[in-house]
């Protein structure tokens, strides 16, 4: 079975990033994959100092082991000042090639303003650097405050269809590239 890990790079309690991640997780599970979420809001992670000794932080080991066991990742981030959130970048920096190489990755960005691909491009570059496989489908949800209803559902049917294609691509490409069913 395909094992996917979702990581949301927002620390806000009522985050649009986590709403989008939840929607994609449901769609991926409907395709028969197993999905778990690492909620950075609930983890105690230190700032990466370039070393690899974080024994006093059990959540670092949990992050590393959970990602290492996964076949693929969903990275979801709010876009801050034209890039991914610091908390997501820090979580990625706390891992190495051992955890991230050969993972199949889907990227999602959430913006308060107009959609663009700055944070998506940044995530793509980081993932390519660690030898991960980033799917061509990517999601940028601009003006997020208008994209969701009060229950957290997507209002735009075209965006909903793009989320379906994103989920399908992540699962299909993970099966192909990782050789799992």
N, C-alpha and C. Protein backbone atom coordinates (compact mmCIF):
# COMPACT_ATOMS: atom_id res chain seq x y z
N UNK A 1 0.84 -1.19 0.00
CA UNK A 1 0.00 0.00 0.00
C UNK A 1 0.88 1.24 0.00
N UNK A 2 0.49 2.22 -0.78
CA UNK A 2 1.19 3.51 -0.83
C UNK A 2 1.04 4.21 0.51
N UNK A 3 2.17 4.66 1.07
CA UNK A 3 2.17 5.39 2.35
C UNK A 3 2.62 6.82 2.10
N UNK A 4 1.73 7.76 2.39
CA UNK A 4 1.99 9.18 2.18
C UNK A 4 2.00 9.88 3.53
N UNK A 5 2.89 10.85 3.68
CA UNK A 5 2.93 11.70 4.87
C UNK A 5 2.68 13.14 4.43
N UNK A 6 1.73 13.79 5.07
CA UNK A 6 1.46 15.20 4.82
C UNK A 6 2.10 16.05 5.90
N UNK A 7 2.73 17.13 5.47
CA UNK A 7 3.34 18.07 6.41
C UNK A 7 2.80 19.46 6.10
N UNK A 8 2.13 20.06 7.08
CA UNK A 8 1.58 21.41 6.92
C UNK A 8 2.50 22.43 7.55
N UNK A 9 2.91 23.41 6.78
CA UNK A 9 3.88 24.39 7.23
C UNK A 9 3.28 25.65 7.82
N UNK A 10 2.12 25.54 8.43
CA UNK A 10 1.51 26.70 9.08
C UNK A 10 1.35 26.42 10.56
N UNK A 11 1.57 27.43 11.37
CA UNK A 11 1.38 27.29 12.81
C UNK A 11 0.05 27.87 13.29
N UNK A 12 -0.73 28.44 12.39
CA UNK A 12 -2.03 29.01 12.78
C UNK A 12 -3.02 27.93 13.14
N UNK A 13 -3.82 28.19 14.17
CA UNK A 13 -4.79 27.19 14.61
C UNK A 13 -5.89 26.96 13.57
N UNK A 14 -6.35 27.99 12.93
CA UNK A 14 -7.40 27.88 11.90
C UNK A 14 -6.79 28.14 10.53
N UNK A 15 -5.83 27.35 10.18
CA UNK A 15 -5.03 27.56 8.99
C UNK A 15 -5.69 27.05 7.71
N UNK A 16 -5.67 27.87 6.67
CA UNK A 16 -6.13 27.43 5.36
C UNK A 16 -5.20 26.35 4.81
N UNK A 17 -3.95 26.41 5.17
CA UNK A 17 -2.98 25.39 4.73
C UNK A 17 -3.42 24.02 5.23
N UNK A 18 -3.80 23.93 6.49
CA UNK A 18 -4.24 22.65 7.05
C UNK A 18 -5.60 22.24 6.49
N UNK A 19 -6.45 23.20 6.15
CA UNK A 19 -7.73 22.85 5.52
C UNK A 19 -7.48 22.21 4.16
N UNK A 20 -6.59 22.81 3.36
CA UNK A 20 -6.26 22.26 2.04
C UNK A 20 -5.62 20.88 2.19
N UNK A 21 -4.72 20.74 3.14
CA UNK A 21 -4.05 19.46 3.37
C UNK A 21 -5.08 18.38 3.74
N UNK A 22 -6.02 18.73 4.58
CA UNK A 22 -7.07 17.78 5.00
C UNK A 22 -7.90 17.31 3.79
N UNK A 23 -8.24 18.23 2.90
CA UNK A 23 -9.01 17.89 1.71
C UNK A 23 -8.23 16.92 0.83
N UNK A 24 -6.96 17.21 0.60
CA UNK A 24 -6.13 16.34 -0.24
C UNK A 24 -5.95 14.97 0.41
N UNK A 25 -5.77 14.95 1.71
CA UNK A 25 -5.62 13.67 2.42
C UNK A 25 -6.86 12.80 2.21
N UNK A 26 -8.04 13.38 2.32
CA UNK A 26 -9.27 12.61 2.12
C UNK A 26 -9.33 12.04 0.71
N UNK A 27 -8.91 12.82 -0.27
CA UNK A 27 -8.95 12.36 -1.66
C UNK A 27 -7.91 11.28 -1.92
N UNK A 28 -6.77 11.38 -1.29
CA UNK A 28 -5.73 10.36 -1.45
C UNK A 28 -6.16 9.06 -0.77
N UNK A 29 -6.75 9.16 0.40
CA UNK A 29 -7.24 7.96 1.09
C UNK A 29 -8.34 7.28 0.27
N UNK A 30 -9.18 8.06 -0.41
CA UNK A 30 -10.23 7.49 -1.25
C UNK A 30 -9.65 6.69 -2.42
N UNK A 31 -8.40 6.98 -2.77
CA UNK A 31 -7.71 6.25 -3.84
C UNK A 31 -6.97 5.03 -3.32
N UNK A 32 -7.12 4.74 -2.03
CA UNK A 32 -6.55 3.52 -1.47
C UNK A 32 -5.18 3.65 -0.83
N UNK A 33 -4.68 4.85 -0.69
CA UNK A 33 -3.38 5.05 -0.05
C UNK A 33 -3.56 5.32 1.44
N UNK A 34 -2.53 5.03 2.19
CA UNK A 34 -2.51 5.33 3.62
C UNK A 34 -1.85 6.70 3.81
N UNK A 35 -2.47 7.55 4.61
CA UNK A 35 -1.93 8.90 4.81
C UNK A 35 -1.88 9.22 6.29
N UNK A 36 -0.75 9.77 6.71
CA UNK A 36 -0.64 10.31 8.06
C UNK A 36 -0.16 11.75 7.95
N UNK A 37 -0.52 12.54 8.94
CA UNK A 37 -0.12 13.95 8.93
C UNK A 37 0.82 14.21 10.10
N UNK A 38 1.92 14.87 9.79
CA UNK A 38 2.80 15.39 10.83
C UNK A 38 2.42 16.84 11.03
N UNK A 39 1.82 17.13 12.16
CA UNK A 39 1.33 18.48 12.44
C UNK A 39 2.42 19.26 13.18
N UNK A 40 3.10 20.14 12.48
CA UNK A 40 4.22 20.89 13.06
C UNK A 40 3.77 21.78 14.21
N UNK A 41 2.46 22.09 14.27
CA UNK A 41 1.93 22.88 15.39
C UNK A 41 2.01 22.11 16.69
N UNK A 42 2.04 20.80 16.61
CA UNK A 42 2.05 19.95 17.80
C UNK A 42 3.42 19.36 18.11
N UNK A 43 4.41 19.72 17.33
CA UNK A 43 5.73 19.14 17.50
C UNK A 43 6.70 20.16 18.08
N UNK A 44 7.62 19.68 18.89
CA UNK A 44 8.66 20.55 19.43
C UNK A 44 9.94 20.28 18.64
N UNK A 45 10.19 21.16 17.67
CA UNK A 45 11.36 21.02 16.82
C UNK A 45 12.29 22.20 17.06
N UNK A 46 13.58 21.93 17.21
CA UNK A 46 14.53 23.03 17.38
C UNK A 46 14.84 23.67 16.03
N UNK A 47 15.43 24.86 16.06
CA UNK A 47 15.95 25.42 14.83
C UNK A 47 17.13 24.57 14.38
N UNK A 48 17.17 24.26 13.12
CA UNK A 48 18.27 23.48 12.57
C UNK A 48 19.56 24.30 12.66
N UNK A 49 20.61 23.67 13.18
CA UNK A 49 21.89 24.37 13.27
C UNK A 49 22.93 23.76 12.32
N UNK A 50 22.47 22.90 11.43
CA UNK A 50 23.37 22.28 10.47
C UNK A 50 23.97 20.99 10.97
N UNK A 51 23.74 20.67 12.24
CA UNK A 51 24.25 19.42 12.80
C UNK A 51 23.22 18.32 12.67
N UNK A 52 23.51 17.21 13.31
CA UNK A 52 22.56 16.10 13.27
C UNK A 52 22.35 15.47 14.65
N UNK A 53 22.66 16.20 15.68
CA UNK A 53 22.52 15.70 17.05
C UNK A 53 21.38 16.45 17.75
N UNK A 54 20.21 15.84 17.76
CA UNK A 54 19.04 16.45 18.37
C UNK A 54 18.39 15.47 19.34
N UNK A 55 19.21 14.75 20.10
CA UNK A 55 18.70 13.69 20.95
C UNK A 55 17.73 14.17 22.02
N UNK A 56 17.81 15.43 22.42
CA UNK A 56 16.88 15.94 23.44
C UNK A 56 15.53 16.34 22.84
N UNK A 57 15.36 16.13 21.55
CA UNK A 57 14.10 16.45 20.86
C UNK A 57 13.52 15.18 20.23
N UNK A 58 12.68 14.46 20.95
CA UNK A 58 12.12 13.23 20.39
C UNK A 58 11.28 13.47 19.13
N UNK A 59 10.73 14.68 18.97
CA UNK A 59 9.95 14.95 17.76
C UNK A 59 10.81 15.00 16.51
N UNK A 60 12.09 15.30 16.64
CA UNK A 60 12.98 15.26 15.47
C UNK A 60 13.10 13.82 14.99
N UNK A 61 13.30 12.90 15.91
CA UNK A 61 13.38 11.48 15.55
C UNK A 61 12.05 11.01 14.96
N UNK A 62 10.95 11.44 15.55
CA UNK A 62 9.62 11.07 15.03
C UNK A 62 9.44 11.59 13.60
N UNK A 63 9.80 12.85 13.36
CA UNK A 63 9.74 13.44 12.02
C UNK A 63 10.57 12.62 11.04
N UNK A 64 11.82 12.37 11.40
CA UNK A 64 12.74 11.65 10.52
C UNK A 64 12.25 10.24 10.23
N UNK A 65 11.85 9.51 11.25
CA UNK A 65 11.41 8.12 11.07
C UNK A 65 10.12 8.03 10.28
N UNK A 66 9.18 8.92 10.56
CA UNK A 66 7.90 8.89 9.84
C UNK A 66 8.12 9.16 8.36
N UNK A 67 8.92 10.15 8.04
CA UNK A 67 9.19 10.48 6.63
C UNK A 67 10.00 9.36 5.98
N UNK A 68 10.96 8.81 6.69
CA UNK A 68 11.79 7.73 6.15
C UNK A 68 10.94 6.53 5.73
N UNK A 69 9.90 6.21 6.51
CA UNK A 69 9.04 5.06 6.23
C UNK A 69 8.02 5.33 5.11
N UNK A 70 7.84 6.58 4.74
CA UNK A 70 6.83 6.94 3.74
C UNK A 70 7.34 6.70 2.32
N UNK A 71 6.39 6.52 1.41
CA UNK A 71 6.71 6.45 -0.01
C UNK A 71 6.65 7.83 -0.65
N UNK A 72 5.78 8.68 -0.11
CA UNK A 72 5.59 10.00 -0.70
C UNK A 72 5.22 11.03 0.34
N UNK A 73 5.27 12.29 -0.08
CA UNK A 73 4.99 13.41 0.82
C UNK A 73 4.05 14.40 0.16
N UNK A 74 3.25 15.04 0.99
CA UNK A 74 2.52 16.24 0.59
C UNK A 74 3.11 17.36 1.43
N UNK A 75 3.65 18.37 0.77
CA UNK A 75 4.16 19.54 1.48
C UNK A 75 3.20 20.68 1.22
N UNK A 76 2.64 21.23 2.29
CA UNK A 76 1.69 22.33 2.16
C UNK A 76 2.20 23.50 2.99
N UNK A 77 2.20 24.68 2.39
CA UNK A 77 2.74 25.85 3.09
C UNK A 77 1.96 27.11 2.76
N UNK A 78 1.85 27.99 3.73
CA UNK A 78 1.44 29.35 3.38
C UNK A 78 2.64 30.01 2.70
N UNK A 79 2.36 30.95 1.84
CA UNK A 79 3.47 31.69 1.23
C UNK A 79 3.69 32.97 2.02
N UNK A 80 4.89 33.11 2.55
CA UNK A 80 5.29 34.29 3.30
C UNK A 80 6.43 34.97 2.56
N UNK A 81 6.23 36.22 2.19
CA UNK A 81 7.28 37.02 1.53
C UNK A 81 7.91 36.28 0.35
N UNK A 82 7.07 35.63 -0.43
CA UNK A 82 7.54 34.99 -1.66
C UNK A 82 8.20 33.65 -1.48
N UNK A 83 8.01 33.00 -0.34
CA UNK A 83 8.63 31.69 -0.14
C UNK A 83 7.84 30.83 0.82
N UNK A 84 8.32 29.60 1.00
CA UNK A 84 7.67 28.70 1.94
C UNK A 84 7.87 29.21 3.36
N UNK A 85 7.05 28.75 4.26
CA UNK A 85 7.16 29.18 5.65
C UNK A 85 8.47 28.69 6.26
N UNK A 86 8.96 29.45 7.22
CA UNK A 86 10.18 29.08 7.93
C UNK A 86 10.03 27.77 8.67
N UNK A 87 8.84 27.51 9.22
CA UNK A 87 8.64 26.28 9.99
C UNK A 87 8.73 25.05 9.08
N UNK A 88 8.23 25.14 7.85
CA UNK A 88 8.35 24.01 6.93
C UNK A 88 9.80 23.84 6.49
N UNK A 89 10.45 24.94 6.14
CA UNK A 89 11.86 24.85 5.72
C UNK A 89 12.71 24.27 6.83
N UNK A 90 12.46 24.69 8.07
CA UNK A 90 13.21 24.15 9.20
C UNK A 90 12.99 22.65 9.35
N UNK A 91 11.74 22.20 9.22
CA UNK A 91 11.45 20.76 9.33
C UNK A 91 12.20 19.99 8.25
N UNK A 92 12.22 20.52 7.03
CA UNK A 92 12.95 19.87 5.95
C UNK A 92 14.45 19.86 6.24
N UNK A 93 14.95 20.95 6.80
CA UNK A 93 16.38 21.03 7.12
C UNK A 93 16.79 20.06 8.22
N UNK A 94 15.86 19.64 9.06
CA UNK A 94 16.15 18.68 10.12
C UNK A 94 16.22 17.24 9.60
N UNK A 95 15.97 17.09 8.30
CA UNK A 95 16.08 15.77 7.67
C UNK A 95 17.24 15.80 6.68
N UNK A 96 17.56 14.61 6.17
CA UNK A 96 18.68 14.51 5.24
C UNK A 96 18.26 13.68 4.03
N UNK A 97 19.25 13.38 3.20
CA UNK A 97 19.00 12.52 2.04
C UNK A 97 18.42 11.18 2.48
N UNK A 98 18.84 10.70 3.63
CA UNK A 98 18.38 9.40 4.12
C UNK A 98 16.86 9.37 4.24
N UNK A 99 16.25 10.45 4.68
CA UNK A 99 14.80 10.50 4.83
C UNK A 99 14.08 10.94 3.56
N UNK A 100 14.69 11.80 2.76
CA UNK A 100 13.98 12.47 1.69
C UNK A 100 14.25 11.94 0.27
N UNK A 101 15.40 11.34 0.05
CA UNK A 101 15.73 10.86 -1.30
C UNK A 101 14.71 9.83 -1.78
N UNK A 102 14.38 9.94 -3.05
CA UNK A 102 13.48 9.02 -3.75
C UNK A 102 12.02 9.09 -3.30
N UNK A 103 11.67 10.05 -2.47
CA UNK A 103 10.26 10.24 -2.12
C UNK A 103 9.57 10.91 -3.31
N UNK A 104 8.29 10.61 -3.47
CA UNK A 104 7.47 11.28 -4.47
C UNK A 104 6.73 12.39 -3.72
N UNK A 105 6.79 13.62 -4.24
CA UNK A 105 6.31 14.78 -3.49
C UNK A 105 5.31 15.59 -4.29
N UNK A 106 4.24 15.99 -3.61
CA UNK A 106 3.28 16.94 -4.16
C UNK A 106 3.30 18.20 -3.32
N UNK A 107 3.31 19.37 -3.98
CA UNK A 107 3.43 20.66 -3.29
C UNK A 107 2.15 21.49 -3.40
N UNK A 108 1.80 22.12 -2.28
CA UNK A 108 0.62 22.99 -2.20
C UNK A 108 1.04 24.29 -1.53
N UNK A 109 0.61 25.42 -2.09
CA UNK A 109 0.84 26.70 -1.43
C UNK A 109 -0.48 27.44 -1.25
N UNK A 110 -0.55 28.18 -0.17
CA UNK A 110 -1.74 28.95 0.18
C UNK A 110 -1.32 30.40 0.29
N UNK A 111 -2.07 31.28 -0.36
CA UNK A 111 -1.71 32.69 -0.38
C UNK A 111 -2.90 33.55 0.01
N UNK A 112 -2.62 34.65 0.67
CA UNK A 112 -3.66 35.62 0.97
C UNK A 112 -3.98 36.47 -0.24
N UNK A 113 -3.01 36.66 -1.11
CA UNK A 113 -3.19 37.45 -2.33
C UNK A 113 -3.39 36.56 -3.54
N UNK A 114 -2.96 37.07 -4.69
CA UNK A 114 -3.12 36.33 -5.94
C UNK A 114 -2.21 35.12 -5.99
N UNK A 115 -2.68 34.09 -6.69
CA UNK A 115 -1.87 32.88 -6.86
C UNK A 115 -0.60 33.19 -7.63
N UNK A 116 0.48 32.57 -7.20
CA UNK A 116 1.73 32.58 -7.94
C UNK A 116 2.46 31.30 -7.59
N UNK A 117 3.63 31.11 -8.12
CA UNK A 117 4.33 29.85 -7.89
C UNK A 117 5.65 30.01 -7.14
N UNK A 118 5.83 31.11 -6.43
CA UNK A 118 7.11 31.33 -5.75
C UNK A 118 7.42 30.24 -4.72
N UNK A 119 6.52 30.01 -3.78
CA UNK A 119 6.80 28.99 -2.76
C UNK A 119 6.80 27.60 -3.37
N UNK A 120 5.97 27.36 -4.38
CA UNK A 120 5.98 26.07 -5.06
C UNK A 120 7.33 25.81 -5.71
N UNK A 121 7.86 26.83 -6.37
CA UNK A 121 9.18 26.69 -6.99
C UNK A 121 10.25 26.45 -5.95
N UNK A 122 10.16 27.15 -4.83
CA UNK A 122 11.15 26.98 -3.77
C UNK A 122 11.10 25.55 -3.22
N UNK A 123 9.91 25.03 -2.98
CA UNK A 123 9.79 23.65 -2.48
C UNK A 123 10.31 22.66 -3.51
N UNK A 124 10.01 22.92 -4.78
CA UNK A 124 10.47 22.03 -5.85
C UNK A 124 12.00 21.98 -5.89
N UNK A 125 12.65 23.14 -5.76
CA UNK A 125 14.11 23.19 -5.77
C UNK A 125 14.69 22.42 -4.58
N UNK A 126 14.13 22.63 -3.40
CA UNK A 126 14.63 21.95 -2.20
C UNK A 126 14.46 20.43 -2.36
N UNK A 127 13.31 20.01 -2.82
CA UNK A 127 13.07 18.57 -2.97
C UNK A 127 13.96 17.96 -4.06
N UNK A 128 14.15 18.67 -5.14
CA UNK A 128 15.04 18.18 -6.19
C UNK A 128 16.46 18.05 -5.65
N UNK A 129 16.88 18.98 -4.80
CA UNK A 129 18.23 18.98 -4.23
C UNK A 129 18.49 17.71 -3.41
N UNK A 130 17.44 17.23 -2.73
CA UNK A 130 17.61 16.03 -1.90
C UNK A 130 17.21 14.75 -2.66
N UNK A 131 17.09 14.86 -3.97
CA UNK A 131 16.84 13.74 -4.88
C UNK A 131 15.45 13.13 -4.72
N UNK A 132 14.48 13.96 -4.40
CA UNK A 132 13.08 13.53 -4.38
C UNK A 132 12.48 13.74 -5.76
N UNK A 133 11.34 13.13 -6.01
CA UNK A 133 10.62 13.25 -7.27
C UNK A 133 9.38 14.10 -7.05
N UNK A 134 9.33 15.28 -7.62
CA UNK A 134 8.18 16.17 -7.45
C UNK A 134 7.23 16.00 -8.64
N UNK A 135 5.96 15.73 -8.33
CA UNK A 135 4.99 15.55 -9.41
C UNK A 135 4.75 16.87 -10.13
N UNK A 136 4.39 16.82 -11.41
CA UNK A 136 4.17 18.07 -12.14
C UNK A 136 2.95 18.85 -11.67
N UNK A 137 1.93 18.16 -11.17
CA UNK A 137 0.75 18.86 -10.67
C UNK A 137 1.12 19.55 -9.37
N UNK A 138 0.71 20.78 -9.25
CA UNK A 138 0.92 21.53 -8.02
C UNK A 138 -0.28 22.42 -7.80
N UNK A 139 -0.50 22.80 -6.56
CA UNK A 139 -1.69 23.59 -6.23
C UNK A 139 -1.26 24.88 -5.57
N UNK A 140 -1.74 25.99 -6.10
CA UNK A 140 -1.60 27.30 -5.46
C UNK A 140 -3.02 27.84 -5.25
N UNK A 141 -3.37 28.07 -4.01
CA UNK A 141 -4.70 28.60 -3.70
C UNK A 141 -4.53 30.05 -3.27
N UNK A 142 -4.84 30.96 -4.20
CA UNK A 142 -4.77 32.38 -3.92
C UNK A 142 -6.03 32.87 -3.25
N UNK A 143 -5.92 34.01 -2.59
CA UNK A 143 -7.05 34.59 -1.86
C UNK A 143 -7.78 33.51 -1.06
N UNK A 144 -7.01 32.83 -0.25
CA UNK A 144 -7.52 31.66 0.48
C UNK A 144 -8.74 31.98 1.32
N UNK A 145 -8.85 33.18 1.78
CA UNK A 145 -10.00 33.58 2.59
C UNK A 145 -11.30 33.49 1.82
N UNK A 146 -11.24 33.41 0.47
CA UNK A 146 -12.45 33.25 -0.36
C UNK A 146 -12.59 31.84 -0.91
N UNK A 147 -11.61 30.98 -0.70
CA UNK A 147 -11.58 29.67 -1.35
C UNK A 147 -12.35 28.59 -0.59
N UNK A 148 -12.55 28.78 0.71
CA UNK A 148 -13.16 27.75 1.56
C UNK A 148 -14.46 28.25 2.16
N UNK A 149 -15.41 27.32 2.36
CA UNK A 149 -16.61 27.69 3.09
C UNK A 149 -16.35 27.52 4.59
N UNK A 150 -17.37 27.75 5.41
CA UNK A 150 -17.19 27.69 6.87
C UNK A 150 -16.87 26.29 7.38
N UNK A 151 -17.21 25.27 6.60
CA UNK A 151 -16.90 23.89 6.98
C UNK A 151 -15.54 23.44 6.44
N UNK A 152 -14.84 24.33 5.75
CA UNK A 152 -13.51 24.00 5.22
C UNK A 152 -13.52 23.33 3.86
N UNK A 153 -14.65 23.39 3.16
CA UNK A 153 -14.74 22.79 1.84
C UNK A 153 -14.38 23.82 0.77
N UNK A 154 -13.84 23.34 -0.34
CA UNK A 154 -13.46 24.20 -1.46
C UNK A 154 -14.72 24.68 -2.17
N UNK A 155 -14.77 25.97 -2.45
CA UNK A 155 -15.94 26.56 -3.11
C UNK A 155 -15.88 26.47 -4.63
N UNK A 156 -14.70 26.55 -5.20
CA UNK A 156 -14.51 26.59 -6.66
C UNK A 156 -14.42 25.18 -7.21
N UNK A 157 -15.33 24.82 -8.11
CA UNK A 157 -15.37 23.46 -8.68
C UNK A 157 -14.11 23.14 -9.48
N UNK A 158 -13.58 24.12 -10.20
CA UNK A 158 -12.35 23.87 -10.98
C UNK A 158 -11.17 23.58 -10.05
N UNK A 159 -11.08 24.30 -8.95
CA UNK A 159 -10.03 24.04 -7.99
C UNK A 159 -10.22 22.65 -7.37
N UNK A 160 -11.45 22.29 -7.08
CA UNK A 160 -11.74 20.97 -6.54
C UNK A 160 -11.29 19.88 -7.51
N UNK A 161 -11.53 20.08 -8.79
CA UNK A 161 -11.09 19.12 -9.81
C UNK A 161 -9.57 19.05 -9.88
N UNK A 162 -8.90 20.19 -9.74
CA UNK A 162 -7.44 20.20 -9.73
C UNK A 162 -6.90 19.43 -8.52
N UNK A 163 -7.57 19.56 -7.37
CA UNK A 163 -7.17 18.80 -6.19
C UNK A 163 -7.33 17.30 -6.41
N UNK A 164 -8.39 16.90 -7.12
CA UNK A 164 -8.58 15.49 -7.48
C UNK A 164 -7.42 15.00 -8.35
N UNK A 165 -7.07 15.78 -9.36
CA UNK A 165 -5.97 15.40 -10.26
C UNK A 165 -4.64 15.35 -9.52
N UNK A 166 -4.43 16.29 -8.60
CA UNK A 166 -3.23 16.31 -7.77
C UNK A 166 -3.13 15.01 -6.97
N UNK A 167 -4.22 14.64 -6.29
CA UNK A 167 -4.24 13.42 -5.47
C UNK A 167 -3.98 12.20 -6.33
N UNK A 168 -4.65 12.14 -7.48
CA UNK A 168 -4.49 10.99 -8.37
C UNK A 168 -3.06 10.90 -8.87
N UNK A 169 -2.47 12.02 -9.25
CA UNK A 169 -1.10 12.03 -9.74
C UNK A 169 -0.12 11.58 -8.66
N UNK A 170 -0.32 12.08 -7.44
CA UNK A 170 0.59 11.70 -6.35
C UNK A 170 0.53 10.20 -6.10
N UNK A 171 -0.66 9.63 -6.04
CA UNK A 171 -0.80 8.20 -5.79
C UNK A 171 -0.25 7.38 -6.96
N UNK A 172 -0.63 7.72 -8.19
CA UNK A 172 -0.19 6.96 -9.36
C UNK A 172 1.33 7.03 -9.53
N UNK A 173 1.89 8.22 -9.41
CA UNK A 173 3.34 8.36 -9.58
C UNK A 173 4.11 7.69 -8.44
N UNK A 174 3.55 7.70 -7.25
CA UNK A 174 4.20 7.01 -6.13
C UNK A 174 4.21 5.51 -6.40
N UNK A 175 3.11 4.99 -6.89
CA UNK A 175 3.07 3.55 -7.22
C UNK A 175 4.13 3.21 -8.27
N UNK A 176 4.21 4.02 -9.31
CA UNK A 176 5.16 3.76 -10.39
C UNK A 176 6.62 3.93 -9.93
N UNK A 177 6.91 5.05 -9.33
CA UNK A 177 8.30 5.37 -9.02
C UNK A 177 8.84 4.61 -7.81
N UNK A 178 7.97 4.25 -6.90
CA UNK A 178 8.41 3.52 -5.71
C UNK A 178 8.13 2.02 -5.79
N UNK A 179 7.39 1.61 -6.82
CA UNK A 179 7.12 0.18 -7.01
C UNK A 179 6.24 -0.43 -5.94
N UNK A 180 5.26 0.34 -5.47
CA UNK A 180 4.33 -0.17 -4.45
C UNK A 180 2.91 -0.17 -5.00
N UNK A 181 2.08 -0.98 -4.42
CA UNK A 181 0.66 -1.05 -4.86
C UNK A 181 -0.23 -0.36 -3.92
